PDB file of N, CA and C in Angstrom:
ATOM      1  N   MET A   1      96.700-105.198-129.192  1.00  0.00           N
ATOM      2  CA  MET A   1      97.499-104.531-128.771  1.00  0.00           C
ATOM      3  C   MET A   1      97.779-104.675-127.406  1.00  0.00           C
ATOM      4  N   VAL A   2      97.053-104.950-126.508  1.00  0.00           N
ATOM      5  CA  VAL A   2      97.495-105.001-125.110  1.00  0.00           C
ATOM      6  C   VAL A   2      97.991-106.060-124.786  1.00  0.00           C
ATOM      7  N   LEU A   3      97.702-107.094-125.834  1.00  0.00           N
ATOM      8  CA  LEU A   3      98.254-108.250-125.728  1.00  0.00           C
ATOM      9  C   LEU A   3      99.892-108.891-125.726  1.00  0.00           C
ATOM     10  N   LEU A   4     100.312-107.803-126.629  1.00  0.00           N
ATOM     11  CA  LEU A   4     101.710-107.721-126.911  1.00  0.00           C
ATOM     12  C   LEU A   4     102.586-107.376-125.528  1.00  0.00           C
ATOM     13  N   PHE A   5     101.983-106.508-124.536  1.00  0.00           N
ATOM     14  CA  PHE A   5     102.808-105.862-123.464  1.00  0.00           C
ATOM     15  C   PHE A   5     102.684-106.999-122.267  1.00  0.00           C
ATOM     16  N   GLY A   6     103.517-107.082-121.326  1.00  0.00           N
ATOM     17  CA  GLY A   6     103.407-107.541-120.049  1.00  0.00           C
ATOM     18  C   GLY A   6     102.834-106.776-119.028  1.00  0.00           C
ATOM     19  N   LEU A   7     102.758-107.634-118.262  1.00  0.00           N
ATOM     20  CA  LEU A   7     101.998-106.688-116.922  1.00  0.00           C
ATOM     21  C   LEU A   7     102.739-105.126-116.615  1.00  0.00           C
ATOM     22  N   GLU A   8     104.070-105.416-116.560  1.00  0.00           N
ATOM     23  CA  GLU A   8     104.982-104.771-116.281  1.00  0.00           C
ATOM     24  C   GLU A   8     105.052-103.516-117.205  1.00  0.00           C
ATOM     25  N   GLU A   9     104.950-103.673-118.361  1.00  0.00           N
ATOM     26  CA  GLU A   9     105.116-102.789-119.288  1.00  0.00           C
ATOM     27  C   GLU A   9     104.106-102.187-119.579  1.00  0.00           C
ATOM     28  N   ARG A  10     102.679-102.630-119.445  1.00  0.00           N
ATOM     29  CA  ARG A  10     101.510-101.850-119.457  1.00  0.00           C
ATOM     30  C   ARG A  10     101.382-100.862-117.986  1.00  0.00           C
ATOM     31  N   ARG A  11     101.791-101.359-116.980  1.00  0.00           N
ATOM     32  CA  ARG A  11     101.893-100.447-115.840  1.00  0.00           C
ATOM     33  C   ARG A  11     102.599 -99.101-116.060  1.00  0.00           C
ATOM     34  N   LYS A  12     103.777 -99.341-116.830  1.00  0.00           N
ATOM     35  CA  LYS A  12     104.845 -98.550-116.909  1.00  0.00           C
ATOM     36  C   LYS A  12     104.282 -97.313-118.145  1.00  0.00           C
ATOM     37  N   ILE A  13     103.671 -97.722-119.060  1.00  0.00           N
ATOM     38  CA  ILE A  13     102.504 -96.898-120.056  1.00  0.00           C
ATOM     39  C   ILE A  13     101.525 -96.461-119.573  1.00  0.00           C
ATOM     40  N   MET A  14     100.870 -96.950-118.472  1.00  0.00           N
ATOM     41  CA  MET A  14      99.856 -96.136-117.598  1.00  0.00           C
ATOM     42  C   MET A  14     100.114 -95.027-116.921  1.00  0.00           C
ATOM     43  N   TYR A  15     101.656 -95.437-116.321  1.00  0.00           N
ATOM     44  CA  TYR A  15     102.184 -94.086-115.501  1.00  0.00           C
ATOM     45  C   TYR A  15     102.667 -92.976-116.391  1.00  0.00           C
ATOM     46  N   PHE A  16     103.140 -93.739-117.390  1.00  0.00           N
ATOM     47  CA  PHE A  16     103.717 -92.373-118.380  1.00  0.00           C
ATOM     48  C   PHE A  16     102.599 -91.528-118.867  1.00  0.00           C
ATOM     49  N   LEU A  17     101.391 -92.274-119.465  1.00  0.00           N
ATOM     50  CA  LEU A  17     100.229 -91.697-120.340  1.00  0.00           C
ATOM     51  C   LEU A  17      99.236 -90.537-118.806  1.00  0.00           C
ATOM     52  N   LEU A  18      99.541 -91.271-117.427  1.00  0.00           N
ATOM     53  CA  LEU A  18      99.210 -90.392-116.575  1.00  0.00           C
ATOM     54  C   LEU A  18      99.986 -89.247-116.259  1.00  0.00           C
ATOM     55  N   SER A  19     101.387 -89.179-116.157  1.00  0.00           N
ATOM     56  CA  SER A  19     102.103 -88.020-116.005  1.00  0.00           C
ATOM     57  C   SER A  19     102.145 -87.315-117.289  1.00  0.00           C
ATOM     58  N   LEU A  20     101.870 -87.851-118.450  1.00  0.00           N
ATOM     59  CA  LEU A  20     101.994 -87.026-119.421  1.00  0.00           C
ATOM     60  C   LEU A  20     100.502 -86.053-119.454  1.00  0.00           C
ATOM     61  N   SER A  21      99.528 -86.388-119.283  1.00  0.00           N
ATOM     62  CA  SER A  21      98.243 -85.884-119.055  1.00  0.00           C
ATOM     63  C   SER A  21      98.422 -84.834-117.991  1.00  0.00           C
ATOM     64  N   LEU A  22      98.911 -85.256-116.773  1.00  0.00           N
ATOM     65  CA  LEU A  22      99.134 -84.387-115.920  1.00  0.00           C
ATOM     66  C   LEU A  22      99.984 -82.986-116.146  1.00  0.00           C
ATOM     67  N   ILE A  23     100.991 -83.355-117.229  1.00  0.00           N
ATOM     68  CA  ILE A  23     101.924 -82.227-117.778  1.00  0.00           C
ATOM     69  C   ILE A  23     100.982 -81.453-118.399  1.00  0.00           C
ATOM     70  N   ILE A  24     100.282 -82.005-119.331  1.00  0.00           N
ATOM     71  CA  ILE A  24      98.886 -80.849-120.335  1.00  0.00           C
ATOM     72  C   ILE A  24      98.586 -80.472-119.304  1.00  0.00           C
ATOM     73  N   PHE A  25      97.602 -81.162-118.454  1.00  0.00           N
ATOM     74  CA  PHE A  25      96.925 -80.314-117.509  1.00  0.00           C
ATOM     75  C   PHE A  25      97.398 -78.921-116.882  1.00  0.00           C
ATOM     76  N   CYS A  26      99.226 -79.402-116.411  1.00  0.00           N
ATOM     77  CA  CYS A  26      99.463 -78.175-115.612  1.00  0.00           C
ATOM     78  C   CYS A  26      99.844 -77.022-116.648  1.00  0.00           C
ATOM     79  N   LEU A  27     100.042 -77.305-118.127  1.00  0.00           N
ATOM     80  CA  LEU A  27     100.492 -76.335-118.791  1.00  0.00           C
ATOM     81  C   LEU A  27      99.160 -75.530-119.385  1.00  0.00           C
ATOM     82  N   ALA A  28      98.334 -76.010-119.247  1.00  0.00           N
ATOM     83  CA  ALA A  28      96.796 -75.555-119.430  1.00  0.00           C
ATOM     84  C   ALA A  28      96.524 -74.723-118.376  1.00  0.00           C
ATOM     85  N   VAL A  29      96.730 -74.855-117.067  1.00  0.00           N
ATOM     86  CA  VAL A  29      96.431 -74.014-116.233  1.00  0.00           C
ATOM     87  C   VAL A  29      97.425 -72.854-115.819  1.00  0.00           C
ATOM     88  N   LEU A  30      98.755 -72.873-116.353  1.00  0.00           N
ATOM     89  CA  LEU A  30      99.835 -72.089-116.691  1.00  0.00           C
ATOM     90  C   LEU A  30      99.294 -71.164-117.710  1.00  0.00           C
ATOM     91  N   ILE A  31      99.012 -71.501-118.935  1.00  0.00           N
ATOM     92  CA  ILE A  31      98.575 -70.630-119.869  1.00  0.00           C
ATOM     93  C   ILE A  31      97.610 -69.734-119.645  1.00  0.00           C
ATOM     94  N   PHE A  32      96.701 -70.585-118.848  1.00  0.00           N
ATOM     95  CA  PHE A  32      95.375 -69.501-118.799  1.00  0.00           C
ATOM     96  C   PHE A  32      95.760 -68.456-117.241  1.00  0.00           C
ATOM     97  N   ALA A  33      96.615 -68.936-116.513  1.00  0.00           N
ATOM     98  CA  ALA A  33      96.933 -67.824-115.568  1.00  0.00           C
ATOM     99  C   ALA A  33      97.800 -67.007-116.056  1.00  0.00           C
ATOM    100  N   LEU A  34      98.807 -66.893-117.264  1.00  0.00           N
ATOM    101  CA  LEU A  34      99.513 -66.065-117.660  1.00  0.00           C
ATOM    102  C   LEU A  34      98.746 -64.945-118.913  1.00  0.00           C
ATOM    103  N   TYR A  35      97.255 -65.815-118.976  1.00  0.00           N
ATOM    104  CA  TYR A  35      96.449 -65.238-120.007  1.00  0.00           C
ATOM    105  C   TYR A  35      95.614 -64.002-119.102  1.00  0.00           C
ATOM    106  N   ARG A  36      95.471 -64.625-117.977  1.00  0.00           N
ATOM    107  CA  ARG A  36      95.052 -63.914-117.076  1.00  0.00           C
ATOM    108  C   ARG A  36      95.517 -62.525-116.491  1.00  0.00           C
ATOM    109  N   ILE A  37      96.996 -62.826-116.458  1.00  0.00           N
ATOM    110  CA  ILE A  37      97.888 -61.723-116.135  1.00  0.00           C
ATOM    111  C   ILE A  37      97.895 -60.665-117.003  1.00  0.00           C
ATOM    112  N   GLY A  38      97.716 -61.187-118.332  1.00  0.00           N
ATOM    113  CA  GLY A  38      98.214 -60.266-119.812  1.00  0.00           C
ATOM    114  C   GLY A  38      96.712 -59.436-119.647  1.00  0.00           C
ATOM    115  N   LYS A  39      95.669 -59.780-119.199  1.00  0.00           N
ATOM    116  CA  LYS A  39      94.204 -59.078-119.673  1.00  0.00           C
ATOM    117  C   LYS A  39      94.502 -57.910-118.513  1.00  0.00           C
ATOM    118  N   ARG A  40      94.300 -56.454-119.290  1.00  0.00           N
ATOM    119  CA  ARG A  40      94.546 -55.178-118.775  1.00  0.00           C
ATOM    120  C   ARG A  40      93.283 -54.959-117.858  1.00  0.00           C
ATOM    121  N   GLY A  41      91.949 -54.861-118.456  1.00  0.00           N
ATOM    122  CA  GLY A  41      90.825 -53.907-118.112  1.00  0.00           C
ATOM    123  C   GLY A  41      90.256 -54.376-116.509  1.00  0.00           C
ATOM    124  N   GLU A  42      90.827 -55.789-116.000  1.00  0.00           N
ATOM    125  CA  GLU A  42      90.407 -56.221-114.808  1.00  0.00           C
ATOM    126  C   GLU A  42      91.183 -56.123-113.297  1.00  0.00           C
ATOM    127  N   ARG A  43      90.458 -55.737-112.570  1.00  0.00           N
ATOM    128  CA  ARG A  43      91.356 -56.128-111.241  1.00  0.00           C
ATOM    129  C   ARG A  43      91.563 -57.027-110.833  1.00  0.00           C
ATOM    130  N   GLN A  44      92.592 -57.766-110.718  1.00  0.00           N
ATOM    131  CA  GLN A  44      93.001 -58.987-110.161  1.00  0.00           C
ATOM    132  C   GLN A  44      93.908 -58.907-109.028  1.00  0.00           C
ATOM    133  N   SER A  45      93.747 -60.313-108.534  1.00  0.00           N
ATOM    134  CA  SER A  45      94.732 -60.442-107.337  1.00  0.00           C
ATOM    135  C   SER A  45      95.980 -60.932-107.864  1.00  0.00           C
ATOM    136  N   TRP A  46      97.157 -60.417-107.650  1.00  0.00           N
ATOM    137  CA  TRP A  46      98.315 -61.021-108.054  1.00  0.00           C
ATOM    138  C   TRP A  46      98.691 -62.279-107.351  1.00  0.00           C
ATOM    139  N   ILE A  47      98.289 -62.250-106.067  1.00  0.00           N
ATOM    140  CA  ILE A  47      98.521 -63.282-105.159  1.00  0.00           C
ATOM    141  C   ILE A  47      97.954 -64.465-105.632  1.00  0.00           C
ATOM    142  N   ALA A  48      96.584 -64.494-105.961  1.00  0.00           N
ATOM    143  CA  ALA A  48      95.942 -65.795-106.529  1.00  0.00           C
ATOM    144  C   ALA A  48      96.692 -65.972-107.783  1.00  0.00           C
ATOM    145  N   LEU A  49      96.844 -65.296-108.602  1.00  0.00           N
ATOM    146  CA  LEU A  49      97.504 -65.701-109.948  1.00  0.00           C
ATOM    147  C   LEU A  49      98.794 -66.393-109.792  1.00  0.00           C
ATOM    148  N   THR A  50      99.630 -66.050-108.717  1.00  0.00           N
ATOM    149  CA  THR A  50     100.838 -66.159-108.275  1.00  0.00           C
ATOM    150  C   THR A  50     100.781 -67.913-107.747  1.00  0.00           C
ATOM    151  N   LYS A  51      99.788 -67.908-106.972  1.00  0.00           N
ATOM    152  CA  LYS A  51      99.659 -69.114-106.655  1.00  0.00           C
ATOM    153  C   LYS A  51      99.061 -70.250-107.169  1.00  0.00           C
ATOM    154  N   ARG A  52      98.282 -69.949-108.465  1.00  0.00           N
ATOM    155  CA  ARG A  52      98.026 -70.872-109.518  1.00  0.00           C
ATOM    156  C   ARG A  52      99.327 -71.187-110.086  1.00  0.00           C
ATOM    157  N   ALA A  53      99.963 -70.527-110.883  1.00  0.00           N
ATOM    158  CA  ALA A  53     101.243 -70.529-111.420  1.00  0.00           C
ATOM    159  C   ALA A  53     102.153 -71.347-110.808  1.00  0.00           C
ATOM    160  N   THR A  54     102.222 -70.912-109.411  1.00  0.00           N
ATOM    161  CA  THR A  54     103.161 -71.576-108.582  1.00  0.00           C
ATOM    162  C   THR A  54     102.534 -73.460-108.352  1.00  0.00           C
ATOM    163  N   LEU A  55     101.570 -73.800-108.393  1.00  0.00           N
ATOM    164  CA  LEU A  55     100.549 -74.849-108.312  1.00  0.00           C
ATOM    165  C   LEU A  55     101.162 -75.722-109.622  1.00  0.00           C
ATOM    166  N   ALA A  56     100.829 -74.867-110.812  1.00  0.00           N
ATOM    167  CA  ALA A  56     100.899 -75.382-112.022  1.00  0.00           C
ATOM    168  C   ALA A  56     102.433 -76.282-112.430  1.00  0.00           C
ATOM    169  N   LEU A  57     103.330 -75.238-112.133  1.00  0.00           N
ATOM    170  CA  LEU A  57     104.601 -75.400-112.006  1.00  0.00           C
ATOM    171  C   LEU A  57     105.388 -76.746-111.417  1.00  0.00           C
ATOM    172  N   THR A  58     104.691 -76.713-110.148  1.00  0.00           N
ATOM    173  CA  THR A  58     104.879 -77.675-108.840  1.00  0.00           C
ATOM    174  C   THR A  58     104.592 -79.098-109.596  1.00  0.00           C
ATOM    175  N   LEU A  59     103.112 -78.805-109.903  1.00  0.00           N
ATOM    176  CA  LEU A  59     102.371 -80.508-110.336  1.00  0.00           C
ATOM    177  C   LEU A  59     103.309 -80.934-111.544  1.00  0.00           C
ATOM    178  N   MET A  60     103.666 -79.990-112.771  1.00  0.00           N
ATOM    179  CA  MET A  60     104.505 -80.349-113.560  1.00  0.00           C
ATOM    180  C   MET A  60     106.025 -81.146-113.297  1.00  0.00           C
ATOM    181  N   SER A  61     106.494 -80.217-112.649  1.00  0.00           N
ATOM    182  CA  SER A  61     107.782 -80.975-112.043  1.00  0.00           C
ATOM    183  C   SER A  61     107.701 -82.077-111.130  1.00  0.00           C
ATOM    184  N   VAL A  62     106.658 -82.447-110.954  1.00  0.00           N
ATOM    185  CA  VAL A  62     106.221 -83.468-110.043  1.00  0.00           C
ATOM    186  C   VAL A  62     106.048 -84.704-111.121  1.00  0.00           C
ATOM    187  N   SER A  63     105.390 -84.608-111.814  1.00  0.00           N
ATOM    188  CA  SER A  63     104.902 -85.224-113.336  1.00  0.00           C
ATOM    189  C   SER A  63     106.013 -85.379-113.921  1.00  0.00           C
ATOM    190  N   LEU A  64     107.080 -84.572-113.874  1.00  0.00           N
ATOM    191  CA  LEU A  64     108.329 -84.861-115.011  1.00  0.00           C
ATOM    192  C   LEU A  64     109.331 -85.695-113.938  1.00  0.00           C
ATOM    193  N   ILE A  65     108.910 -85.356-112.316  1.00  0.00           N
ATOM    194  CA  ILE A  65     110.133 -86.521-111.588  1.00  0.00           C
ATOM    195  C   ILE A  65     109.546 -88.242-111.896  1.00  0.00           C
ATOM    196  N   ILE A  66     108.056 -88.104-111.949  1.00  0.00           N
ATOM    197  CA  ILE A  66     107.652 -89.455-112.263  1.00  0.00           C
ATOM    198  C   ILE A  66     108.109 -89.899-113.524  1.00  0.00           C
ATOM    199  N   VAL A  67     108.111 -89.320-114.686  1.00  0.00           N
ATOM    200  CA  VAL A  67     108.312 -89.907-115.827  1.00  0.00           C
ATOM    201  C   VAL A  67     109.874 -90.040-115.726  1.00  0.00           C
ATOM    202  N   ALA A  68     110.642 -89.430-115.261  1.00  0.00           N
ATOM    203  CA  ALA A  68     111.956 -89.796-114.944  1.00  0.00           C
ATOM    204  C   ALA A  68     112.578 -91.151-114.306  1.00  0.00           C
ATOM    205  N   LEU A  69     111.522 -91.255-112.852  1.00  0.00           N
ATOM    206  CA  LEU A  69     111.788 -92.070-112.105  1.00  0.00           C
ATOM    207  C   LEU A  69     111.288 -93.617-113.447  1.00  0.00           C
ATOM    208  N   LEU A  70     110.433 -93.427-114.177  1.00  0.00           N
ATOM    209  CA  LEU A  70     109.835 -94.591-114.906  1.00  0.00           C
ATOM    210  C   LEU A  70     110.890 -95.070-115.909  1.00  0.00           C
ATOM    211  N   LYS A  71     111.629 -94.123-116.319  1.00  0.00           N
ATOM    212  CA  LYS A  71     112.702 -94.417-117.429  1.00  0.00           C
ATOM    213  C   LYS A  71     113.622 -94.766-116.789  1.00  0.00           C
ATOM    214  N   ILE A  72     113.975 -94.804-115.268  1.00  0.00           N
ATOM    215  CA  ILE A  72     115.229 -95.794-114.851  1.00  0.00           C
ATOM    216  C   ILE A  72     115.030 -97.412-114.883  1.00  0.00           C
TER     217      ILE A  72
END
């Protein structure tokens, strides 16, 4: 299957899969942060949770930009 694509196509596929895995990772971090916010019994640092959620959203938006640039 690798022989069916040229070097440029393989590079685009690699970038797409890398950005897709980054999106999945960021969504997992965001879901974990929202889970921690939803738990009631613990005292939590809202600042730390906000930083995690902001970092996850930033990484997700950057990876979406990479995917959009690869589509051009």
